[in-house]
Amino acid sequence: MTGRRRAGVLAVVAAVALTSLGVARATGDAPQGCERSRIDAAERRALDTGPTGPGRSAPDIVVIGDSWSVGTGVGPGESWPVRLPGRVHVDGFGGSGFSETASDCHGASYADRAARAIAGHPDALVVVEGGLNDVDQGDRAIEHGFVRLLGALAGHRVVVVGPAPAPVRATRVGRVDAVLARTATGFGATYVSMLGADVDYQDDDLHPSVRGHRQFGDLVAAAVADHLR
């Protein structure tokens, strides 16, 4: 390559790099990865639903979950926990699970978030939902995270809701469901399998649509009804 051609190529590369940098800066305010998940989680925590105010009593429910509880793709107000019959507080985090390393984000596992979730809710029924993000984790990692979670929730009534067969992970949720069911039984916790849940999904075949959230939420509400009496 001649010196002139080399200079021309370098000039084009530099121009592309500067253009890319400009685009990056222009969109730099859009958080990515863990930061985005933390912002979404905070927004969901801020939205408590159910009866409030004097004379409007209702069971206190705390939900610990993943992106399904946050409402990824539909919005917090459309997420399945709003279907639960009580005053509902949600501590959800996209990409998280029972295993400590289900998420790459520090402190995102269910056990790590449990104390914060139940703070101020001493008598709450705790509904733990998830497992889809644990499909690539080993059995021991799932069990260890589950046991840590139950320890953090000691003294609370706990209902664990397993993963639904989201199409993109359907072939792998059975093992997670089995591990969660076995561990829950061993510790006397209530486990609700969702392997047979018929849920409508968004185009990503992973997250429920608005209709899917209603379907899933109603299934969970029916499953926890006896624990609210």
C-alpha atoms as a PDB file:
ATOM      1  CA  MET A   1       0.000   0.000   0.000  1.00  0.00           C
ATOM      2  CA  THR A   2       1.398   3.407  -0.962  1.00  0.00           C
ATOM      3  CA  GLY A   3       1.853   6.145   1.566  1.00  0.00           C
ATOM      4  CA  ARG A   4      -0.975   8.134   0.002  1.00  0.00           C
ATOM      5  CA  ARG A   5      -3.400   5.173   0.095  1.00  0.00           C
ATOM      6  CA  ARG A   6      -2.382   4.358   3.652  1.00  0.00           C
ATOM      7  CA  ALA A   7      -3.041   7.934   4.721  1.00  0.00           C
ATOM      8  CA  GLY A   8      -6.414   7.825   3.016  1.00  0.00           C
ATOM      9  CA  VAL A   9      -7.402   4.620   4.792  1.00  0.00           C
ATOM     10  CA  LEU A  10      -6.293   6.022   8.148  1.00  0.00           C
ATOM     11  CA  ALA A  11      -8.309   9.148   7.504  1.00  0.00           C
ATOM     12  CA  VAL A  12     -11.445   7.098   6.823  1.00  0.00           C
ATOM     13  CA  VAL A  13     -10.877   4.986   9.948  1.00  0.00           C
ATOM     14  CA  ALA A  14     -10.400   8.122  12.022  1.00  0.00           C
ATOM     15  CA  ALA A  15     -13.565   9.642  10.610  1.00  0.00           C
ATOM     16  CA  VAL A  16     -15.569   6.522  11.409  1.00  0.00           C
ATOM     17  CA  ALA A  17     -14.116   6.420  14.918  1.00  0.00           C
ATOM     18  CA  LEU A  18     -15.026  10.045  15.535  1.00  0.00           C
ATOM     19  CA  THR A  19     -18.509   9.490  14.188  1.00  0.00           C
ATOM     20  CA  SER A  20     -18.940   6.453  16.428  1.00  0.00           C
ATOM     21  CA  LEU A  21     -17.664   8.429  19.396  1.00  0.00           C
ATOM     22  CA  GLY A  22     -20.155  11.146  18.633  1.00  0.00           C
ATOM     23  CA  VAL A  23     -22.983   8.614  18.523  1.00  0.00           C
ATOM     24  CA  ALA A  24     -21.771   7.030  21.754  1.00  0.00           C
ATOM     25  CA  ARG A  25     -21.714  10.393  23.475  1.00  0.00           C
ATOM     26  CA  ALA A  26     -25.118  11.286  22.098  1.00  0.00           C
ATOM     27  CA  THR A  27     -26.593   8.118  23.569  1.00  0.00           C
ATOM     28  CA  GLY A  28     -24.317   8.015  26.580  1.00  0.00           C
ATOM     29  CA  ASP A  29     -27.139   8.954  28.917  1.00  0.00           C
ATOM     30  CA  ALA A  30     -28.815   5.610  28.241  1.00  0.00           C
ATOM     31  CA  PRO A  31     -27.651   3.235  31.011  1.00  0.00           C
ATOM     32  CA  GLN A  32     -26.541  -0.257  30.070  1.00  0.00           C
ATOM     33  CA  GLY A  33     -26.248  -3.618  31.785  1.00  0.00           C
ATOM     34  CA  CYS A  34     -26.200  -3.621  35.559  1.00  0.00           C
ATOM     35  CA  GLU A  35     -26.880   0.094  35.815  1.00  0.00           C
ATOM     36  CA  ARG A  36     -30.017  -0.253  33.702  1.00  0.00           C
ATOM     37  CA  SER A  37     -31.172  -3.191  35.797  1.00  0.00           C
ATOM     38  CA  ARG A  38     -30.609  -1.247  39.011  1.00  0.00           C
ATOM     39  CA  ILE A  39     -32.629   1.702  37.718  1.00  0.00           C
ATOM     40  CA  ASP A  40     -35.482  -0.583  36.643  1.00  0.00           C
ATOM     41  CA  ALA A  41     -35.341  -2.356  40.003  1.00  0.00           C
ATOM     42  CA  ALA A  42     -35.541   0.946  41.895  1.00  0.00           C
ATOM     43  CA  GLU A  43     -38.524   2.063  39.829  1.00  0.00           C
ATOM     44  CA  ARG A  44     -40.327  -1.201  40.603  1.00  0.00           C
ATOM     45  CA  ARG A  45     -39.549  -0.972  44.325  1.00  0.00           C
ATOM     46  CA  ALA A  46     -41.098   2.475  44.356  1.00  0.00           C
ATOM     47  CA  LEU A  47     -44.415   1.117  43.065  1.00  0.00           C
ATOM     48  CA  ASP A  48     -46.289  -0.592  45.881  1.00  0.00           C
ATOM     49  CA  THR A  49     -49.771  -1.743  44.928  1.00  0.00           C
ATOM     50  CA  GLY A  50     -52.935  -2.759  46.730  1.00  0.00           C
ATOM     51  CA  PRO A  51     -55.171  -1.117  49.339  1.00  0.00           C
ATOM     52  CA  THR A  52     -53.594   1.694  51.352  1.00  0.00           C
ATOM     53  CA  GLY A  53     -54.782   4.187  53.910  1.00  0.00           C
ATOM     54  CA  PRO A  54     -56.827   4.008  57.132  1.00  0.00           C
ATOM     55  CA  GLY A  55     -59.473   1.301  57.257  1.00  0.00           C
ATOM     56  CA  ARG A  56     -58.215  -0.475  54.157  1.00  0.00           C
ATOM     57  CA  SER A  57     -56.654  -3.608  55.549  1.00  0.00           C
ATOM     58  CA  ALA A  58     -55.094  -6.245  53.305  1.00  0.00           C
ATOM     59  CA  PRO A  59     -52.418  -8.923  53.609  1.00  0.00           C
ATOM     60  CA  ASP A  60     -48.856  -7.659  53.376  1.00  0.00           C
ATOM     61  CA  ILE A  61     -46.950  -9.368  50.548  1.00  0.00           C
ATOM     62  CA  VAL A  62     -43.313  -9.011  49.538  1.00  0.00           C
ATOM     63  CA  VAL A  63     -42.214 -10.327  46.146  1.00  0.00           C
ATOM     64  CA  ILE A  64     -38.584 -11.178  45.409  1.00  0.00           C
ATOM     65  CA  GLY A  65     -37.977 -11.918  41.756  1.00  0.00           C
ATOM     66  CA  ASP A  66     -36.332 -11.340  38.412  1.00  0.00           C
ATOM     67  CA  SER A  67     -37.268  -9.363  35.285  1.00  0.00           C
ATOM     68  CA  TRP A  68     -40.734 -10.911  35.318  1.00  0.00           C
ATOM     69  CA  SER A  69     -41.524  -9.208  38.622  1.00  0.00           C
ATOM     70  CA  VAL A  70     -40.029  -5.942  37.347  1.00  0.00           C
ATOM     71  CA  GLY A  71     -42.170  -5.975  34.210  1.00  0.00           C
ATOM     72  CA  THR A  72     -39.438  -5.863  31.571  1.00  0.00           C
ATOM     73  CA  GLY A  73     -40.936  -4.912  28.232  1.00  0.00           C
ATOM     74  CA  VAL A  74     -44.349  -3.942  29.605  1.00  0.00           C
ATOM     75  CA  GLY A  75     -43.734  -1.602  32.550  1.00  0.00           C
ATOM     76  CA  PRO A  76     -43.934  -1.933  36.352  1.00  0.00           C
ATOM     77  CA  GLY A  77     -47.680  -1.317  36.501  1.00  0.00           C
ATOM     78  CA  GLU A  78     -48.357  -4.242  34.159  1.00  0.00           C
ATOM     79  CA  SER A  79     -46.102  -6.769  35.916  1.00  0.00           C
ATOM     80  CA  TRP A  80     -47.676  -9.883  37.407  1.00  0.00           C
ATOM     81  CA  PRO A  81     -47.376  -8.956  41.136  1.00  0.00           C
ATOM     82  CA  VAL A  82     -50.118  -6.326  40.737  1.00  0.00           C
ATOM     83  CA  ARG A  83     -52.546  -9.263  40.450  1.00  0.00           C
ATOM     84  CA  LEU A  84     -51.836 -10.423  43.996  1.00  0.00           C
ATOM     85  CA  PRO A  85     -54.576  -9.811  46.592  1.00  0.00           C
ATOM     86  CA  GLY A  86     -52.794  -7.623  49.102  1.00  0.00           C
ATOM     87  CA  ARG A  87     -50.465  -4.712  49.729  1.00  0.00           C
ATOM     88  CA  VAL A  88     -47.602  -5.732  47.479  1.00  0.00           C
ATOM     89  CA  HIS A  89     -43.981  -4.611  47.640  1.00  0.00           C
ATOM     90  CA  VAL A  90     -41.643  -5.890  44.920  1.00  0.00           C
ATOM     91  CA  ASP A  91     -37.870  -6.286  44.994  1.00  0.00           C
ATOM     92  CA  GLY A  92     -37.074  -7.474  41.488  1.00  0.00           C
ATOM     93  CA  PHE A  93     -33.882  -7.400  39.453  1.00  0.00           C
ATOM     94  CA  GLY A  94     -33.553  -8.348  35.797  1.00  0.00           C
ATOM     95  CA  GLY A  95     -31.238 -11.284  35.118  1.00  0.00           C
ATOM     96  CA  SER A  96     -31.045 -12.386  38.744  1.00  0.00           C
ATOM     97  CA  GLY A  97     -31.807 -15.745  40.286  1.00  0.00           C
ATOM     98  CA  PHE A  98     -31.303 -18.077  43.212  1.00  0.00           C
ATOM     99  CA  SER A  99     -27.659 -18.730  42.342  1.00  0.00           C
ATOM    100  CA  GLU A 100     -25.144 -16.123  43.416  1.00  0.00           C
ATOM    101  CA  THR A 101     -23.672 -16.011  39.900  1.00  0.00           C
ATOM    102  CA  ALA A 102     -26.911 -16.165  37.903  1.00  0.00           C
ATOM    103  CA  SER A 103     -26.387 -12.439  37.378  1.00  0.00           C
ATOM    104  CA  ASP A 104     -23.075 -10.732  36.650  1.00  0.00           C
ATOM    105  CA  CYS A 105     -24.242  -7.769  38.725  1.00  0.00           C
ATOM    106  CA  HIS A 106     -22.830  -7.568  42.257  1.00  0.00           C
ATOM    107  CA  GLY A 107     -25.311  -8.223  45.045  1.00  0.00           C
ATOM    108  CA  ALA A 108     -28.173  -9.137  42.719  1.00  0.00           C
ATOM    109  CA  SER A 109     -28.925 -12.678  43.894  1.00  0.00           C
ATOM    110  CA  TYR A 110     -32.157 -13.276  45.791  1.00  0.00           C
ATOM    111  CA  ALA A 111     -30.354 -14.029  49.032  1.00  0.00           C
ATOM    112  CA  ASP A 112     -28.306 -10.834  48.755  1.00  0.00           C
ATOM    113  CA  ARG A 113     -31.468  -8.744  48.335  1.00  0.00           C
ATOM    114  CA  ALA A 114     -33.704 -10.522  50.843  1.00  0.00           C
ATOM    115  CA  ALA A 115     -32.959  -8.379  53.911  1.00  0.00           C
ATOM    116  CA  ARG A 116     -33.691  -5.177  51.999  1.00  0.00           C
ATOM    117  CA  ALA A 117     -36.860  -6.662  50.519  1.00  0.00           C
ATOM    118  CA  ILE A 118     -38.450  -7.543  53.858  1.00  0.00           C
ATOM    119  CA  ALA A 119     -37.269  -4.459  55.757  1.00  0.00           C
ATOM    120  CA  GLY A 120     -40.345  -2.772  57.170  1.00  0.00           C
ATOM    121  CA  HIS A 121     -42.526  -5.803  56.411  1.00  0.00           C
ATOM    122  CA  PRO A 122     -42.147  -8.025  59.496  1.00  0.00           C
ATOM    123  CA  ASP A 123     -45.396  -9.939  59.006  1.00  0.00           C
ATOM    124  CA  ALA A 124     -45.403 -10.203  55.234  1.00  0.00           C
ATOM    125  CA  LEU A 125     -45.920 -13.314  53.185  1.00  0.00           C
ATOM    126  CA  VAL A 126     -42.844 -13.553  50.950  1.00  0.00           C
ATOM    127  CA  VAL A 127     -43.383 -14.772  47.392  1.00  0.00           C
ATOM    128  CA  VAL A 128     -40.142 -15.699  45.647  1.00  0.00           C
ATOM    129  CA  GLU A 129     -40.413 -16.060  41.861  1.00  0.00           C
ATOM    130  CA  GLY A 130     -37.752 -17.158  39.418  1.00  0.00           C
ATOM    131  CA  GLY A 131     -35.383 -19.765  38.095  1.00  0.00           C
ATOM    132  CA  LEU A 132     -35.194 -18.870  34.420  1.00  0.00           C
ATOM    133  CA  ASN A 133     -31.836 -17.200  34.978  1.00  0.00           C
ATOM    134  CA  ASP A 134     -30.489 -20.252  36.794  1.00  0.00           C
ATOM    135  CA  VAL A 135     -30.693 -22.600  33.802  1.00  0.00           C
ATOM    136  CA  ASP A 136     -26.935 -22.394  33.191  1.00  0.00           C
ATOM    137  CA  GLN A 137     -26.035 -22.799  36.870  1.00  0.00           C
ATOM    138  CA  GLY A 138     -25.109 -26.075  38.569  1.00  0.00           C
ATOM    139  CA  ASP A 139     -27.424 -27.859  40.990  1.00  0.00           C
ATOM    140  CA  ARG A 140     -25.201 -27.081  43.974  1.00  0.00           C
ATOM    141  CA  ALA A 141     -25.073 -23.385  43.115  1.00  0.00           C
ATOM    142  CA  ILE A 142     -28.862 -23.252  42.941  1.00  0.00           C
ATOM    143  CA  GLU A 143     -29.252 -25.204  46.192  1.00  0.00           C
ATOM    144  CA  HIS A 144     -26.693 -23.051  47.995  1.00  0.00           C
ATOM    145  CA  GLY A 145     -28.372 -19.838  46.904  1.00  0.00           C
ATOM    146  CA  PHE A 146     -31.783 -21.184  47.854  1.00  0.00           C
ATOM    147  CA  VAL A 147     -30.630 -22.197  51.336  1.00  0.00           C
ATOM    148  CA  ARG A 148     -29.023 -18.777  51.863  1.00  0.00           C
ATOM    149  CA  LEU A 149     -32.296 -17.160  50.821  1.00  0.00           C
ATOM    150  CA  LEU A 150     -34.393 -19.213  53.218  1.00  0.00           C
ATOM    151  CA  GLY A 151     -31.981 -18.353  56.017  1.00  0.00           C
ATOM    152  CA  ALA A 152     -32.362 -14.649  55.270  1.00  0.00           C
ATOM    153  CA  LEU A 153     -36.152 -15.029  55.315  1.00  0.00           C
ATOM    154  CA  ALA A 154     -36.300 -16.967  58.601  1.00  0.00           C
ATOM    155  CA  GLY A 155     -39.480 -16.145  60.519  1.00  0.00           C
ATOM    156  CA  HIS A 156     -41.480 -15.310  57.395  1.00  0.00           C
ATOM    157  CA  ARG A 157     -44.002 -17.416  55.555  1.00  0.00           C
ATOM    158  CA  VAL A 158     -42.435 -18.185  52.181  1.00  0.00           C
ATOM    159  CA  VAL A 159     -43.954 -19.406  48.920  1.00  0.00           C
ATOM    160  CA  VAL A 160     -41.491 -20.171  46.131  1.00  0.00           C
ATOM    161  CA  VAL A 161     -42.811 -19.972  42.571  1.00  0.00           C
ATOM    162  CA  GLY A 162     -40.656 -21.805  40.058  1.00  0.00           C
ATOM    163  CA  PRO A 163     -39.816 -20.926  36.456  1.00  0.00           C
ATOM    164  CA  ALA A 164     -42.405 -21.033  33.705  1.00  0.00           C
ATOM    165  CA  PRO A 165     -41.404 -22.770  30.439  1.00  0.00           C
ATOM    166  CA  ALA A 166     -40.464 -19.649  28.463  1.00  0.00           C
ATOM    167  CA  PRO A 167     -39.914 -20.899  24.884  1.00  0.00           C
ATOM    168  CA  VAL A 168     -36.247 -19.911  24.585  1.00  0.00           C
ATOM    169  CA  ARG A 169     -35.369 -21.807  27.786  1.00  0.00           C
ATOM    170  CA  ALA A 170     -38.165 -24.359  27.981  1.00  0.00           C
ATOM    171  CA  THR A 171     -35.898 -27.375  27.515  1.00  0.00           C
ATOM    172  CA  ARG A 172     -33.743 -26.353  30.494  1.00  0.00           C
ATOM    173  CA  VAL A 173     -36.214 -25.287  33.169  1.00  0.00           C
ATOM    174  CA  GLY A 174     -37.180 -28.814  34.206  1.00  0.00           C
ATOM    175  CA  ARG A 175     -33.876 -29.412  35.981  1.00  0.00           C
ATOM    176  CA  VAL A 176     -34.096 -26.090  37.831  1.00  0.00           C
ATOM    177  CA  ASP A 177     -37.685 -26.824  38.820  1.00  0.00           C
ATOM    178  CA  ALA A 178     -36.636 -30.202  40.221  1.00  0.00           C
ATOM    179  CA  VAL A 179     -33.768 -28.705  42.251  1.00  0.00           C
ATOM    180  CA  LEU A 180     -35.992 -25.979  43.698  1.00  0.00           C
ATOM    181  CA  ALA A 181     -38.807 -28.411  44.513  1.00  0.00           C
ATOM    182  CA  ARG A 182     -36.431 -30.826  46.227  1.00  0.00           C
ATOM    183  CA  THR A 183     -34.711 -28.135  48.263  1.00  0.00           C
ATOM    184  CA  ALA A 184     -37.968 -26.456  49.262  1.00  0.00           C
ATOM    185  CA  THR A 185     -39.378 -29.761  50.483  1.00  0.00           C
ATOM    186  CA  GLY A 186     -36.236 -30.432  52.493  1.00  0.00           C
ATOM    187  CA  PHE A 187     -36.607 -27.125  54.322  1.00  0.00           C
ATOM    188  CA  GLY A 188     -40.377 -27.191  54.739  1.00  0.00           C
ATOM    189  CA  ALA A 189     -41.018 -24.321  52.327  1.00  0.00           C
ATOM    190  CA  THR A 190     -44.018 -24.209  50.003  1.00  0.00           C
ATOM    191  CA  TYR A 191     -43.094 -24.738  46.360  1.00  0.00           C
ATOM    192  CA  VAL A 192     -45.308 -23.999  43.364  1.00  0.00           C
ATOM    193  CA  SER A 193     -44.199 -25.470  40.047  1.00  0.00           C
ATOM    194  CA  MET A 194     -45.065 -23.451  36.952  1.00  0.00           C
ATOM    195  CA  LEU A 195     -43.892 -25.963  34.363  1.00  0.00           C
ATOM    196  CA  GLY A 196     -47.440 -26.299  33.081  1.00  0.00           C
ATOM    197  CA  ALA A 197     -48.202 -22.577  33.023  1.00  0.00           C
ATOM    198  CA  ASP A 198     -49.764 -21.415  29.750  1.00  0.00           C
ATOM    199  CA  VAL A 199     -48.427 -17.876  29.397  1.00  0.00           C
ATOM    200  CA  ASP A 200     -48.440 -15.492  26.440  1.00  0.00           C
ATOM    201  CA  TYR A 201     -44.965 -14.113  25.631  1.00  0.00           C
ATOM    202  CA  GLN A 202     -43.428 -11.086  23.988  1.00  0.00           C
ATOM    203  CA  ASP A 203     -41.529 -11.486  20.721  1.00  0.00           C
ATOM    204  CA  ASP A 204     -38.370 -12.419  22.632  1.00  0.00           C
ATOM    205  CA  ASP A 205     -40.063 -15.654  23.807  1.00  0.00           C
ATOM    206  CA  LEU A 206     -38.675 -14.991  27.273  1.00  0.00           C
ATOM    207  CA  HIS A 207     -40.726 -12.243  28.917  1.00  0.00           C
ATOM    208  CA  PRO A 208     -44.514 -12.300  29.294  1.00  0.00           C
ATOM    209  CA  SER A 209     -46.711  -9.936  27.325  1.00  0.00           C
ATOM    210  CA  VAL A 210     -49.252  -7.792  29.187  1.00  0.00           C
ATOM    211  CA  ARG A 211     -51.698 -10.674  28.785  1.00  0.00           C
ATOM    212  CA  GLY A 212     -49.035 -13.122  29.913  1.00  0.00           C
ATOM    213  CA  HIS A 213     -48.410 -11.144  33.083  1.00  0.00           C
ATOM    214  CA  ARG A 214     -52.120 -11.241  33.875  1.00  0.00           C
ATOM    215  CA  GLN A 215     -52.186 -14.997  33.301  1.00  0.00           C
ATOM    216  CA  PHE A 216     -49.108 -15.643  35.420  1.00  0.00           C
ATOM    217  CA  GLY A 217     -50.192 -13.261  38.163  1.00  0.00           C
ATOM    218  CA  ASP A 218     -53.573 -14.939  38.464  1.00  0.00           C
ATOM    219  CA  LEU A 219     -51.905 -18.355  38.736  1.00  0.00           C
ATOM    220  CA  VAL A 220     -49.654 -17.110  41.527  1.00  0.00           C
ATOM    221  CA  ALA A 221     -52.558 -15.384  43.278  1.00  0.00           C
ATOM    222  CA  ALA A 222     -54.506 -18.642  43.307  1.00  0.00           C
ATOM    223  CA  ALA A 223     -51.473 -20.541  44.606  1.00  0.00           C
ATOM    224  CA  VAL A 224     -50.873 -18.193  47.547  1.00  0.00           C
ATOM    225  CA  ALA A 225     -54.510 -17.666  48.500  1.00  0.00           C
ATOM    226  CA  ASP A 226     -54.461 -20.286  51.270  1.00  0.00           C
ATOM    227  CA  HIS A 227     -51.384 -18.663  52.808  1.00  0.00           C
ATOM    228  CA  LEU A 228     -53.160 -15.325  53.190  1.00  0.00           C
ATOM    229  CA  ARG A 229     -55.925 -16.577  55.477  1.00  0.00           C
END
